[in-house]
Protein backbone atom coordinates (compact mmCIF):
# COMPACT_ATOMS: atom_id res chain seq x y z
CA MET A 1 -20.68 53.39 2.89
CA SER A 2 -17.19 53.93 3.63
CA ALA A 3 -14.36 51.05 3.19
CA SER A 4 -12.92 48.77 6.04
CA VAL A 5 -9.23 49.34 6.72
CA PRO A 6 -8.01 45.78 6.22
CA SER A 7 -6.19 44.57 9.42
CA THR A 8 -2.38 43.74 9.58
CA GLU A 9 -3.36 40.23 10.30
CA ALA A 10 -5.58 40.70 6.70
CA ARG A 11 -2.93 42.49 4.95
CA ASP A 12 -0.43 39.82 5.51
CA ALA A 13 -2.86 36.78 4.42
CA ARG A 14 -3.60 38.63 1.19
CA ILE A 15 -0.22 39.59 0.35
CA PRO A 16 1.96 36.55 1.54
CA LEU A 17 5.37 38.95 0.75
CA GLY A 18 4.17 42.02 2.74
CA ALA A 19 5.66 40.64 5.92
CA LEU A 20 9.02 40.26 4.15
CA ARG A 21 8.70 43.52 2.72
CA ASP A 22 8.16 45.14 5.89
CA THR A 23 10.82 43.59 7.73
CA LEU A 24 13.66 44.60 5.28
CA ALA A 25 12.14 47.83 5.61
CA LEU A 26 12.98 47.78 9.05
CA VAL A 27 16.67 45.94 8.63
CA ARG A 28 17.46 49.02 6.55
CA ARG A 29 15.82 51.31 9.55
CA ASN A 30 18.20 49.70 12.06
CA LEU A 31 21.03 49.74 9.72
CA TYR A 32 20.81 53.52 9.03
CA ALA A 33 21.72 53.84 12.79
CA TYR A 34 25.25 52.46 11.95
CA LEU A 35 25.46 55.52 9.22
CA ARG A 36 24.09 58.25 11.18
CA VAL A 37 26.10 57.32 14.13
CA PRO A 38 28.93 55.51 13.29
CA GLN A 39 30.57 55.36 15.90
CA LEU A 40 28.26 52.75 16.99
CA LEU A 41 29.92 50.60 14.24
CA VAL A 42 33.49 51.87 15.38
CA PHE A 43 33.50 50.77 19.07
CA SER A 44 31.49 47.66 18.39
CA THR A 45 34.82 46.17 16.33
CA ILE A 46 37.43 47.76 18.53
CA GLN A 47 36.50 45.90 21.42
CA PRO A 48 36.79 42.43 19.53
CA VAL A 49 40.26 43.54 17.95
CA ILE A 50 41.10 44.27 21.76
CA PHE A 51 40.49 40.80 22.54
CA VAL A 52 42.37 39.53 19.61
CA LEU A 53 45.27 41.33 20.53
CA MET A 54 45.05 40.52 24.31
CA PHE A 55 45.04 36.95 23.96
CA ARG A 56 47.29 36.44 21.28
CA TYR A 57 50.04 38.84 22.49
CA VAL A 58 49.39 38.57 26.50
CA PHE A 59 47.67 35.63 27.59
CA GLY A 60 48.58 33.39 24.98
CA GLY A 61 52.09 32.81 25.74
CA ALA A 62 50.62 31.27 29.15
CA ILE A 63 48.10 28.80 27.69
CA ARG A 64 49.68 25.69 26.29
CA LEU A 65 47.67 23.19 24.06
CA GLU A 66 48.15 19.61 23.51
CA GLY A 67 49.22 18.65 19.88
CA PRO A 68 50.43 20.43 17.12
CA VAL A 69 47.61 23.59 17.10
CA ASP A 70 48.79 26.83 17.44
CA TYR A 71 47.05 28.86 20.16
CA VAL A 72 45.83 31.47 17.64
CA ASP A 73 44.16 28.89 15.44
CA PHE A 74 42.61 27.64 18.77
CA LEU A 75 41.50 31.02 19.75
CA MET A 76 40.17 32.80 16.76
CA PRO A 77 37.32 30.45 16.44
CA GLY A 78 36.55 31.53 19.87
CA ILE A 79 36.48 34.75 19.33
CA PHE A 80 34.02 34.82 16.58
CA VAL A 81 31.98 33.29 18.96
CA GLN A 82 32.41 36.06 21.48
CA THR A 83 31.80 38.94 19.13
CA VAL A 84 28.62 37.63 17.82
CA THR A 85 27.74 36.80 21.71
CA PHE A 86 28.48 40.37 22.46
CA GLY A 87 26.89 41.89 19.59
CA SER A 88 23.49 40.41 20.41
CA THR A 89 23.16 42.42 23.06
CA ALA A 90 22.11 45.61 20.37
CA ALA A 91 18.86 43.86 20.11
CA ALA A 92 18.12 44.25 24.03
CA VAL A 93 19.13 48.21 23.88
CA GLY A 94 17.51 48.83 20.54
CA LEU A 95 14.27 47.55 21.29
CA ALA A 96 14.25 48.83 24.65
CA THR A 97 14.93 52.19 23.49
CA ASP A 98 12.82 52.00 21.10
CA LEU A 99 10.02 50.73 23.67
CA LYS A 100 10.88 53.79 25.87
CA SER A 101 10.54 56.44 23.27
CA GLY A 102 7.17 55.19 22.35
CA LEU A 103 8.22 54.15 18.54
CA MET A 104 6.59 50.84 19.08
CA GLU A 105 3.24 52.77 19.54
CA ARG A 106 3.79 54.20 16.14
CA PHE A 107 4.89 50.68 14.43
CA HIS A 108 1.63 49.23 16.07
CA ALA A 109 -0.88 52.04 14.64
CA LEU A 110 0.89 51.55 11.45
CA PRO A 111 -0.94 48.70 8.71
CA MET A 112 2.47 46.44 8.76
CA SER A 113 3.51 42.85 9.86
CA ARG A 114 4.04 42.82 13.97
CA ALA A 115 6.60 40.16 13.47
CA ALA A 116 8.71 42.72 11.32
CA VAL A 117 9.77 45.04 14.13
CA LEU A 118 11.36 41.68 16.06
CA ALA A 119 12.80 40.54 12.83
CA GLY A 120 13.88 43.45 11.74
CA ARG A 121 15.90 44.29 14.63
CA THR A 122 17.46 40.87 14.73
CA GLY A 123 17.91 41.15 10.95
CA ALA A 124 19.92 44.32 11.22
CA ASP A 125 21.93 42.62 14.08
CA LEU A 126 22.55 39.27 11.63
CA VAL A 127 24.16 41.83 8.95
CA ARG A 128 25.84 43.89 11.69
CA ASN A 129 27.91 40.55 12.81
CA LEU A 130 28.34 39.09 9.22
CA PHE A 131 30.57 42.43 8.79
CA VAL A 132 32.23 42.35 12.29
CA VAL A 133 33.50 38.67 11.57
CA ALA A 134 34.59 39.21 8.40
CA LEU A 135 36.79 41.73 10.17
CA MET A 136 37.70 39.69 12.78
CA MET A 137 38.96 37.26 10.18
CA VAL A 138 40.88 40.02 8.33
CA VAL A 139 43.07 40.72 11.76
CA GLY A 140 42.97 36.95 12.74
CA TYR A 141 44.99 36.35 9.48
CA LEU A 142 47.20 39.52 10.24
CA VAL A 143 48.00 37.79 13.56
CA GLY A 144 48.74 34.40 12.16
CA TRP A 145 45.40 32.52 12.43
CA ARG A 146 45.12 30.13 9.41
CA VAL A 147 42.39 27.84 8.36
CA HIS A 148 43.77 24.12 8.13
CA THR A 149 40.61 22.22 6.29
CA ASP A 150 39.53 23.82 3.35
CA ALA A 151 37.12 26.83 2.10
CA LEU A 152 33.94 25.10 2.75
CA GLY A 153 35.04 24.35 6.02
CA LEU A 154 35.80 28.05 6.64
CA ILE A 155 32.77 28.99 5.44
CA GLY A 156 30.18 26.59 7.53
CA ALA A 157 32.10 27.86 10.35
CA ALA A 158 31.08 31.23 9.72
CA GLY A 159 27.53 30.35 9.15
CA LEU A 160 27.46 28.16 12.07
CA VAL A 161 29.05 31.09 13.87
CA LEU A 162 26.34 33.95 12.65
CA ALA A 163 23.30 31.54 12.97
CA PHE A 164 24.37 31.07 17.14
CA GLY A 165 24.44 35.38 16.69
CA TYR A 166 21.39 35.32 15.42
CA ALA A 167 19.38 33.07 18.07
CA LEU A 168 21.18 35.03 20.74
CA SER A 169 19.78 38.09 19.64
CA TRP A 170 16.07 37.27 20.33
CA VAL A 171 17.52 36.17 24.12
CA PHE A 172 18.55 39.69 24.35
CA ALA A 173 15.04 41.27 22.31
CA THR A 174 13.53 39.46 24.77
CA LEU A 175 15.39 40.97 27.73
CA GLY A 176 15.03 44.00 26.16
CA LEU A 177 11.36 44.14 26.14
CA ALA A 178 10.88 43.14 29.77
CA VAL A 179 13.17 45.28 30.68
CA GLY A 180 12.02 48.36 28.66
CA ASP A 181 15.00 50.67 29.39
CA PRO A 182 17.96 50.95 27.26
CA GLU A 183 20.35 51.59 30.14
CA ALA A 184 18.70 48.55 32.29
CA ALA A 185 18.79 46.57 29.32
CA GLN A 186 22.31 46.94 28.91
CA ALA A 187 23.69 46.37 32.96
CA ALA A 188 20.93 42.90 32.65
CA ALA A 189 22.85 41.97 29.64
CA PHE A 190 26.00 41.38 31.26
CA PRO A 191 25.21 38.59 33.89
CA VAL A 192 23.72 36.44 30.97
CA LEU A 193 27.01 36.86 29.06
CA ALA A 194 29.43 36.25 31.35
CA PRO A 195 29.37 32.66 32.60
CA LEU A 196 28.30 31.79 28.94
CA VAL A 197 31.66 33.57 26.96
CA PHE A 198 34.14 33.31 29.95
CA ALA A 199 32.98 29.62 31.47
CA SER A 200 33.45 28.41 27.83
CA ALA A 201 35.57 27.08 25.77
CA ALA A 202 36.24 29.88 23.64
CA PHE A 203 39.37 30.99 25.40
CA VAL A 204 41.29 27.65 27.05
CA PRO A 205 40.64 24.38 26.64
CA LEU A 206 38.05 22.96 28.69
CA GLU A 207 40.45 20.61 30.77
CA THR A 208 41.96 23.28 32.07
CA MET A 209 38.69 24.30 34.08
CA PRO A 210 37.94 22.98 37.50
CA GLY A 211 35.93 19.38 37.16
CA TRP A 212 32.63 21.04 38.59
CA LEU A 213 32.96 23.63 36.15
CA GLN A 214 33.54 21.25 33.02
CA ALA A 215 29.89 19.93 32.67
CA PHE A 216 28.14 22.93 32.60
CA ALA A 217 30.97 24.17 29.80
CA ARG A 218 30.99 21.33 27.90
CA ASN A 219 27.57 21.57 26.95
CA GLN A 220 26.46 25.13 26.62
CA PRO A 221 26.07 26.78 23.30
CA VAL A 222 28.81 29.07 23.40
CA SER A 223 31.63 26.15 23.79
CA LEU A 224 29.84 23.90 21.51
CA THR A 225 29.73 26.65 19.03
CA ALA A 226 33.42 27.46 19.32
CA GLU A 227 34.82 24.11 19.28
CA ALA A 228 32.54 23.13 16.06
CA ALA A 229 33.66 25.94 14.58
CA ARG A 230 37.45 24.67 15.33
CA ALA A 231 36.46 21.21 14.22
CA LEU A 232 35.39 22.97 10.80
CA THR A 233 38.67 25.13 10.35
CA VAL A 234 41.34 23.01 12.38
CA GLY A 235 40.01 19.58 11.46
CA GLY A 236 38.67 16.83 13.73
CA GLU A 237 35.18 15.55 13.98
CA ALA A 238 32.62 18.09 13.23
CA ALA A 239 29.47 16.59 12.17
CA SER A 240 28.26 15.89 16.18
CA LEU A 241 29.46 19.52 17.14
CA VAL A 242 27.71 21.04 14.61
CA LEU A 243 24.33 19.17 15.22
CA ARG A 244 24.71 19.99 18.82
CA ALA A 245 25.04 23.85 18.21
CA LEU A 246 22.30 23.68 15.74
CA ALA A 247 19.85 22.06 17.95
CA TRP A 248 20.71 24.88 20.65
CA ASP A 249 19.96 27.42 18.01
CA ALA A 250 16.95 25.52 17.16
CA GLY A 251 15.71 25.38 20.85
CA ILE A 252 16.42 29.28 21.68
CA LEU A 253 14.85 30.48 18.13
CA LEU A 254 11.79 28.53 19.05
CA VAL A 255 11.55 29.38 23.23
CA PHE A 256 12.82 32.75 22.96
CA GLY A 257 11.04 33.71 19.97
CA ALA A 258 7.65 33.04 20.99
CA ILE A 259 8.11 34.62 24.41
CA ALA A 260 9.73 38.10 22.42
CA VAL A 261 6.49 38.04 20.35
CA ARG A 262 4.08 37.63 23.25
CA LEU A 263 6.17 40.65 25.01
CA TYR A 264 5.62 42.71 22.36
CA ARG A 265 2.06 42.14 21.75
CA ARG A 266 1.63 43.31 25.31
CA THR A 267 3.75 46.44 25.11
CA THR A 268 1.42 47.54 21.97
């Protein structure tokens, strides 16, 4: 009498760490892509460096801030948030590529956790964002950015930015699964990115915007994350901003995590 092959759900029930091992394996698989094609990492870091130099030396002289804070200290937390926001689109392109190439069907046939495919993709994006944000901190220091609080404030700001980038990766994971084509996924990402990044407090004070735009910009997650990271590195009341930013992250993860898992199940 032949032994039956256990289902993925049964396997994960017997081995609580099975899903974690599968996730880590896929994180490594996705990170190896940067070793095989280092241009992916190079060009993903060139763009935020260009933004730093452009806003610091081209637009910075035209932007006046009230108070003693230099524009570069105002700018860099916004650059960190902009960097992880743009970087989160890798989840859409990567999953759409795997879907179009038929790799998803191969994953489905393997005795592995289904959740690991999505968690492995977003986990790899988190590791990449960690590297890029650390690089942006070095670039920011070179152009005059300084932390006016302490090391805990800096670590807290970095953690908050990375948490937002991870949550946003699930939004674009959902987009990639829904579109199913890497070129279309990349094109579809811009209408989501543009209002979030450029209609926010990432680069300019909210008070400089028209009144009708301020209501949106003040309460959307990019602004809240940038303002919270700014308060943690420059100084000011940070607790309320941090809690509101984390509430956005939790809401995004709950909603888009569930949608992404459902779409993934339908594709396989």
